[in-house]
């Protein structure tokens, strides 16, 4: 069953919070971010290839969350002092 826009944004917000807890450091730079997003796209592709609709939706949310973290600039940090 399709989600409403409100449900989709709520699920995205919830998933974003979970992602930040699980992976506080999203990526070190734009290339790391690209790899994270590409990996999530591959997971979505695999889910579409034979997993449940719920799993497909979860993977699509992960793609959206990683793209959103990129859009919000979470990969634009100077890690030189800590690494």
Protein backbone atom coordinates (compact mmCIF):
# COMPACT_ATOMS: atom_id res chain seq x y z
CA UNK A 1 0.00 0.00 0.00
CA UNK A 2 1.43 3.40 -0.93
CA UNK A 3 2.37 5.90 1.77
CA UNK A 4 1.00 9.39 1.98
CA UNK A 5 3.50 12.22 1.72
CA UNK A 6 3.17 12.79 5.47
CA UNK A 7 3.86 9.12 6.22
CA UNK A 8 6.84 9.10 3.86
CA UNK A 9 8.42 12.17 5.44
CA UNK A 10 7.77 10.79 8.91
CA UNK A 11 9.42 7.48 7.96
CA UNK A 12 12.33 9.37 6.40
CA UNK A 13 12.81 11.48 9.52
CA UNK A 14 12.71 8.41 11.75
CA UNK A 15 15.15 6.55 9.50
CA UNK A 16 17.48 9.59 9.44
CA UNK A 17 17.64 9.56 13.24
CA UNK A 18 18.39 5.84 13.25
CA UNK A 19 21.12 6.28 10.63
CA UNK A 20 22.79 9.05 12.61
CA UNK A 21 22.79 6.89 15.74
CA UNK A 22 24.20 3.88 13.89
CA UNK A 23 26.65 5.85 11.69
CA UNK A 24 27.44 9.22 13.33
CA UNK A 25 30.19 9.84 10.77
CA UNK A 26 28.37 9.66 7.45
CA UNK A 27 31.36 10.16 5.17
CA UNK A 28 34.71 11.93 5.14
CA UNK A 29 34.23 13.66 1.79
CA UNK A 30 32.06 13.70 -1.32
CA UNK A 31 33.64 10.53 -2.71
CA UNK A 32 33.02 8.56 0.47
CA UNK A 33 29.47 9.87 0.41
CA UNK A 34 29.07 8.72 -3.18
CA UNK A 35 30.20 5.21 -2.23
CA UNK A 36 27.75 5.09 0.69
CA UNK A 37 24.88 6.19 -1.56
CA UNK A 38 25.90 3.77 -4.33
CA UNK A 39 26.04 0.89 -1.83
CA UNK A 40 22.52 1.71 -0.67
CA UNK A 41 21.32 1.81 -4.28
CA UNK A 42 22.79 -1.66 -4.82
CA UNK A 43 20.99 -2.93 -1.71
CA UNK A 44 17.75 -1.49 -3.10
CA UNK A 45 18.40 -3.21 -6.42
CA UNK A 46 18.84 -6.55 -4.67
CA UNK A 47 15.68 -6.01 -2.63
CA UNK A 48 13.68 -5.22 -5.77
CA UNK A 49 15.06 -8.40 -7.28
CA UNK A 50 13.27 -10.67 -4.86
CA UNK A 51 12.60 -9.34 -1.38
CA UNK A 52 9.36 -8.19 0.22
CA UNK A 53 7.79 -4.81 -0.48
CA UNK A 54 8.55 -3.84 3.12
CA UNK A 55 12.23 -4.60 2.59
CA UNK A 56 12.20 -2.69 -0.70
CA UNK A 57 10.66 0.31 1.07
CA UNK A 58 13.30 0.11 3.84
CA UNK A 59 16.10 0.07 1.27
CA UNK A 60 14.53 2.97 -0.65
CA UNK A 61 14.42 4.93 2.61
CA UNK A 62 18.11 4.16 3.15
CA UNK A 63 18.89 5.54 -0.32
CA UNK A 64 16.88 8.67 0.47
CA UNK A 65 18.53 9.10 3.89
CA UNK A 66 22.06 8.82 2.51
CA UNK A 67 21.23 11.25 -0.28
CA UNK A 68 19.67 13.63 2.25
CA UNK A 69 22.75 13.47 4.46
CA UNK A 70 24.79 14.40 1.38
CA UNK A 71 22.45 17.28 0.54
CA UNK A 72 22.72 18.54 4.13
CA UNK A 73 26.52 18.49 3.90
CA UNK A 74 27.21 15.85 6.54
CA UNK A 75 30.25 14.78 4.50
CA UNK A 76 31.80 18.27 4.63
CA UNK A 77 33.79 18.00 7.85
CA UNK A 78 37.46 18.49 8.51
CA UNK A 79 38.64 15.20 10.01
CA UNK A 80 42.33 16.02 9.77
CA UNK A 81 42.59 16.88 13.47
CA UNK A 82 41.03 13.61 14.66
CA UNK A 83 42.52 11.11 12.16
